[in-house]
Amino acid sequence: MLNEKTLELLMSSFPKILEYGLKVTLPLAALAFILSTVIAVLVAMVQYADVPIIKEICRLYIWIIRGTPLLVQLMVAFYGLPLLGIHSNPFVMAVIVFSINEGAYSAETMRAAMEAVPAGQLEAGYCVGMNYMQIMWHIILPQAFRTAFPSLFNALISMVKDTSLASSITVVEMFTKTKQLAGQSYNYLPLYIEVAFVYLIFCTILTFIQKKGEKILGNYGQRK
């Protein structure tokens, strides 16, 4: 039950929680999403081109990343990379690990979307004198992105929630800040409900953007 003290705590903590959501959680998710999409496209293109050795390397990457927990990957990077002389601040390391992790999943999404494009379009591109990269850029990828967009954007929404795992490598993001505030006040449940509400706000806004994006891409596809 809310009392005056709890209400004051919620009101005073909300701006702090929101601040860390806007300056750490969302940037972390956004940067990781952009990099993971780049990774996914590159890996999917290699698989689509069926380059023998590189394709097997990509398959190995996907197998390892999809077969191990994100939390374990974060810990291995945090404790393992310094042993190799690679040092980075926790935020950058979190962005890299999240990107590599999501890139493996999104690569399969992109590969399936690219394979859904009729093979005749690839052949038609070659017939008019286009090279592989030109065909990818002008023909295959635009259609694949329209197909993959909902799944890719779902990955971004999931990533916003998964950023709480970055606390395991000392990144102070929105959930970690909430734990700190809860530890100071010894009033945990109200603050955890409050941060859940903030996550819900973020994900609702992103879902709205996703629906708008799907509508725009759908209309564009119909015009094409």
Protein backbone atom coordinates (compact mmCIF):
# COMPACT_ATOMS: atom_id res chain seq x y z
CA MET A 1 0.00 0.00 0.00
CA LEU A 2 1.31 3.42 -0.91
CA ASN A 3 2.03 5.77 1.94
CA GLU A 4 3.35 9.29 1.86
CA LYS A 5 6.95 8.21 2.34
CA THR A 6 6.81 5.67 -0.49
CA LEU A 7 5.13 8.18 -2.78
CA GLU A 8 7.86 10.72 -2.09
CA LEU A 9 10.47 8.06 -2.82
CA LEU A 10 8.85 7.20 -6.15
CA MET A 11 8.57 10.84 -7.17
CA SER A 12 12.17 11.63 -6.24
CA SER A 13 13.60 8.50 -7.87
CA PHE A 14 11.67 8.65 -11.15
CA PRO A 15 13.77 11.45 -12.72
CA LYS A 16 16.98 9.62 -11.79
CA ILE A 17 15.76 6.32 -13.21
CA LEU A 18 14.54 8.01 -16.38
CA GLU A 19 17.85 9.87 -16.72
CA TYR A 20 19.85 6.64 -16.74
CA GLY A 21 17.34 5.12 -19.12
CA LEU A 22 17.81 7.96 -21.58
CA LYS A 23 21.56 8.38 -21.27
CA VAL A 24 22.66 4.75 -20.83
CA THR A 25 19.97 2.12 -21.49
CA LEU A 26 18.59 3.49 -24.76
CA PRO A 27 21.97 4.50 -26.24
CA LEU A 28 23.38 1.07 -25.36
CA ALA A 29 20.46 -0.68 -27.04
CA ALA A 30 20.48 1.65 -30.06
CA LEU A 31 24.22 1.36 -30.72
CA ALA A 32 24.15 -2.41 -30.28
CA PHE A 33 21.14 -2.65 -32.60
CA ILE A 34 22.88 -0.68 -35.35
CA LEU A 35 26.10 -2.67 -35.11
CA SER A 36 24.28 -6.00 -34.84
CA THR A 37 22.30 -5.18 -37.97
CA VAL A 38 25.52 -4.44 -39.86
CA ILE A 39 26.98 -7.73 -38.64
CA ALA A 40 23.80 -9.57 -39.58
CA VAL A 41 23.77 -8.17 -43.10
CA LEU A 42 27.43 -9.02 -43.71
CA VAL A 43 27.07 -12.55 -42.35
CA ALA A 44 23.84 -13.12 -44.30
CA MET A 45 25.46 -11.88 -47.51
CA VAL A 46 28.35 -14.30 -47.06
CA GLN A 47 25.94 -17.18 -46.50
CA TYR A 48 23.78 -16.11 -49.42
CA ALA A 49 26.83 -15.97 -51.70
CA ASP A 50 27.79 -19.47 -50.51
CA VAL A 51 31.52 -18.67 -50.14
CA PRO A 52 32.85 -22.05 -48.86
CA ILE A 53 35.38 -21.33 -46.10
CA ILE A 54 33.97 -17.98 -44.96
CA LYS A 55 30.47 -19.46 -44.88
CA GLU A 56 31.64 -22.17 -42.48
CA ILE A 57 33.28 -19.53 -40.27
CA CYS A 58 29.98 -17.64 -40.17
CA ARG A 59 28.12 -20.81 -39.27
CA LEU A 60 30.60 -21.46 -36.45
CA TYR A 61 30.10 -17.91 -35.16
CA ILE A 62 26.32 -18.32 -35.18
CA TRP A 63 26.55 -21.73 -33.52
CA ILE A 64 28.76 -20.49 -30.68
CA ILE A 65 26.84 -17.29 -30.00
CA ARG A 66 23.37 -18.83 -30.18
CA GLY A 67 24.49 -21.75 -28.04
CA THR A 68 25.82 -19.71 -25.11
CA PRO A 69 24.03 -17.28 -22.77
CA LEU A 70 24.49 -13.55 -23.25
CA LEU A 71 25.47 -13.21 -19.59
CA VAL A 72 28.29 -15.72 -20.06
CA GLN A 73 29.48 -13.85 -23.15
CA LEU A 74 29.57 -10.60 -21.18
CA MET A 75 31.59 -12.19 -18.38
CA VAL A 76 34.04 -13.86 -20.77
CA ALA A 77 34.63 -10.55 -22.54
CA PHE A 78 34.94 -8.59 -19.30
CA TYR A 79 37.45 -10.93 -17.67
CA GLY A 80 39.04 -12.51 -20.73
CA LEU A 81 39.89 -9.59 -23.00
CA PRO A 82 42.14 -7.81 -20.45
CA LEU A 83 44.22 -11.00 -20.29
CA LEU A 84 44.87 -10.52 -24.00
CA GLY A 85 45.86 -6.91 -23.46
CA ILE A 86 42.56 -5.57 -24.76
CA HIS A 87 41.15 -2.93 -22.44
CA SER A 88 37.94 -0.96 -22.89
CA ASN A 89 35.43 0.81 -20.71
CA PRO A 90 32.45 -1.34 -19.65
CA PHE A 91 29.91 0.55 -21.78
CA VAL A 92 31.87 0.03 -25.00
CA MET A 93 32.45 -3.61 -24.10
CA ALA A 94 28.73 -4.08 -23.47
CA VAL A 95 27.88 -2.53 -26.85
CA ILE A 96 30.31 -4.87 -28.61
CA VAL A 97 29.09 -8.02 -26.84
CA PHE A 98 25.42 -7.15 -27.35
CA SER A 99 26.15 -6.45 -31.03
CA ILE A 100 27.95 -9.74 -31.56
CA ASN A 101 25.22 -11.63 -29.71
CA GLU A 102 22.26 -10.12 -31.53
CA GLY A 103 24.15 -10.16 -34.84
CA ALA A 104 24.13 -13.96 -34.78
CA TYR A 105 20.35 -14.11 -34.35
CA SER A 106 19.60 -11.32 -36.81
CA ALA A 107 21.92 -12.91 -39.39
CA GLU A 108 19.58 -15.88 -39.58
CA THR A 109 16.63 -13.52 -39.93
CA MET A 110 18.32 -11.65 -42.76
CA ARG A 111 19.46 -14.84 -44.47
CA ALA A 112 15.92 -16.20 -44.50
CA ALA A 113 14.59 -12.86 -45.79
CA MET A 114 17.19 -12.77 -48.56
CA GLU A 115 16.43 -16.34 -49.59
CA ALA A 116 12.75 -15.38 -49.80
CA VAL A 117 13.57 -13.04 -52.70
CA PRO A 118 13.00 -14.96 -55.96
CA ALA A 119 16.29 -16.31 -57.33
CA GLY A 120 15.39 -15.00 -60.76
CA GLN A 121 16.00 -11.46 -59.57
CA LEU A 122 19.64 -12.29 -58.84
CA GLU A 123 20.02 -13.76 -62.30
CA ALA A 124 18.28 -10.76 -63.86
CA GLY A 125 20.73 -8.45 -62.11
CA TYR A 126 23.68 -10.29 -63.60
CA CYS A 127 22.04 -10.20 -67.02
CA VAL A 128 21.88 -6.39 -67.02
CA GLY A 129 25.56 -6.13 -66.07
CA MET A 130 25.33 -5.58 -62.31
CA ASN A 131 27.92 -7.12 -60.00
CA TYR A 132 27.11 -9.00 -56.79
CA MET A 133 27.33 -5.97 -54.48
CA GLN A 134 25.16 -3.86 -56.79
CA ILE A 135 22.54 -6.61 -56.90
CA MET A 136 22.62 -6.88 -53.12
CA TRP A 137 22.33 -3.13 -52.58
CA HIS A 138 19.70 -2.32 -55.20
CA ILE A 139 17.63 -5.50 -55.48
CA ILE A 140 18.02 -8.13 -52.75
CA LEU A 141 18.60 -6.14 -49.55
CA PRO A 142 15.75 -3.61 -49.98
CA GLN A 143 13.26 -6.47 -50.32
CA ALA A 144 14.90 -8.50 -47.56
CA PHE A 145 14.78 -5.56 -45.14
CA ARG A 146 11.05 -5.13 -45.71
CA THR A 147 10.55 -8.79 -44.84
CA ALA A 148 12.94 -8.80 -41.88
CA PHE A 149 11.99 -5.41 -40.43
CA PRO A 150 9.46 -6.68 -37.84
CA SER A 151 11.86 -9.32 -36.50
CA LEU A 152 14.81 -6.93 -36.47
CA PHE A 153 12.82 -4.30 -34.60
CA ASN A 154 11.61 -6.93 -32.13
CA ALA A 155 15.28 -7.57 -31.44
CA LEU A 156 15.74 -3.90 -30.56
CA ILE A 157 12.80 -4.02 -28.15
CA SER A 158 14.21 -7.15 -26.50
CA MET A 159 17.63 -5.54 -26.32
CA VAL A 160 16.25 -2.59 -24.35
CA LYS A 161 15.16 -5.04 -21.67
CA ASP A 162 18.32 -7.15 -21.90
CA THR A 163 20.54 -4.13 -21.18
CA SER A 164 19.97 -4.85 -17.49
CA LEU A 165 22.50 -7.67 -17.92
CA ALA A 166 25.19 -5.05 -18.57
CA SER A 167 25.26 -4.46 -14.82
CA SER A 168 27.23 -7.71 -14.59
CA ILE A 169 30.22 -5.88 -16.09
CA THR A 170 29.74 -2.74 -13.96
CA VAL A 171 27.71 -0.70 -16.45
CA VAL A 172 25.39 1.54 -14.44
CA GLU A 173 22.26 1.53 -16.57
CA MET A 174 18.65 2.08 -15.62
CA PHE A 175 18.08 -1.11 -13.65
CA THR A 176 21.40 -0.86 -11.82
CA LYS A 177 20.58 2.71 -10.82
CA THR A 178 17.23 1.48 -9.52
CA LYS A 179 18.96 -1.17 -7.41
CA GLN A 180 21.26 1.49 -5.98
CA LEU A 181 18.31 3.72 -5.08
CA ALA A 182 16.45 0.76 -3.59
CA GLY A 183 19.50 -0.17 -1.53
CA GLN A 184 19.71 3.34 -0.14
CA SER A 185 16.06 3.44 0.88
CA TYR A 186 15.59 -0.26 1.75
CA ASN A 187 12.30 -0.04 -0.13
CA TYR A 188 12.77 -2.39 -3.06
CA LEU A 189 9.38 -3.41 -4.45
CA PRO A 190 7.99 0.06 -5.28
CA LEU A 191 11.17 1.05 -7.12
CA TYR A 192 11.29 -2.21 -9.05
CA ILE A 193 7.68 -1.67 -10.11
CA GLU A 194 8.60 1.88 -11.10
CA VAL A 195 11.52 0.81 -13.29
CA ALA A 196 9.30 -1.87 -14.85
CA PHE A 197 6.89 0.93 -15.74
CA VAL A 198 9.72 2.90 -17.39
CA TYR A 199 10.78 -0.17 -19.40
CA LEU A 200 7.15 -0.55 -20.43
CA ILE A 201 7.02 3.07 -21.60
CA PHE A 202 10.19 2.65 -23.67
CA CYS A 203 9.01 -0.59 -25.26
CA THR A 204 5.54 0.80 -25.96
CA ILE A 205 7.04 3.78 -27.80
CA LEU A 206 9.31 1.48 -29.79
CA THR A 207 6.38 -0.80 -30.63
CA PHE A 208 4.47 2.23 -31.92
CA ILE A 209 7.46 3.20 -34.09
CA GLN A 210 7.68 -0.40 -35.31
CA LYS A 211 4.04 -0.43 -36.41
CA LYS A 212 4.48 2.88 -38.22
CA GLY A 213 7.62 1.56 -39.90
CA GLU A 214 5.87 -1.61 -41.02
CA LYS A 215 3.04 0.45 -42.50
CA ILE A 216 5.45 2.74 -44.36
CA LEU A 217 7.48 -0.18 -45.72
CA GLY A 218 4.29 -2.01 -46.67
CA ASN A 219 3.00 0.98 -48.62
CA TYR A 220 6.40 1.42 -50.28
CA GLY A 221 6.41 -2.23 -51.31
CA GLN A 222 2.95 -1.88 -52.84
CA ARG A 223 4.01 1.19 -54.84
CA LYS A 224 7.04 -0.71 -56.12
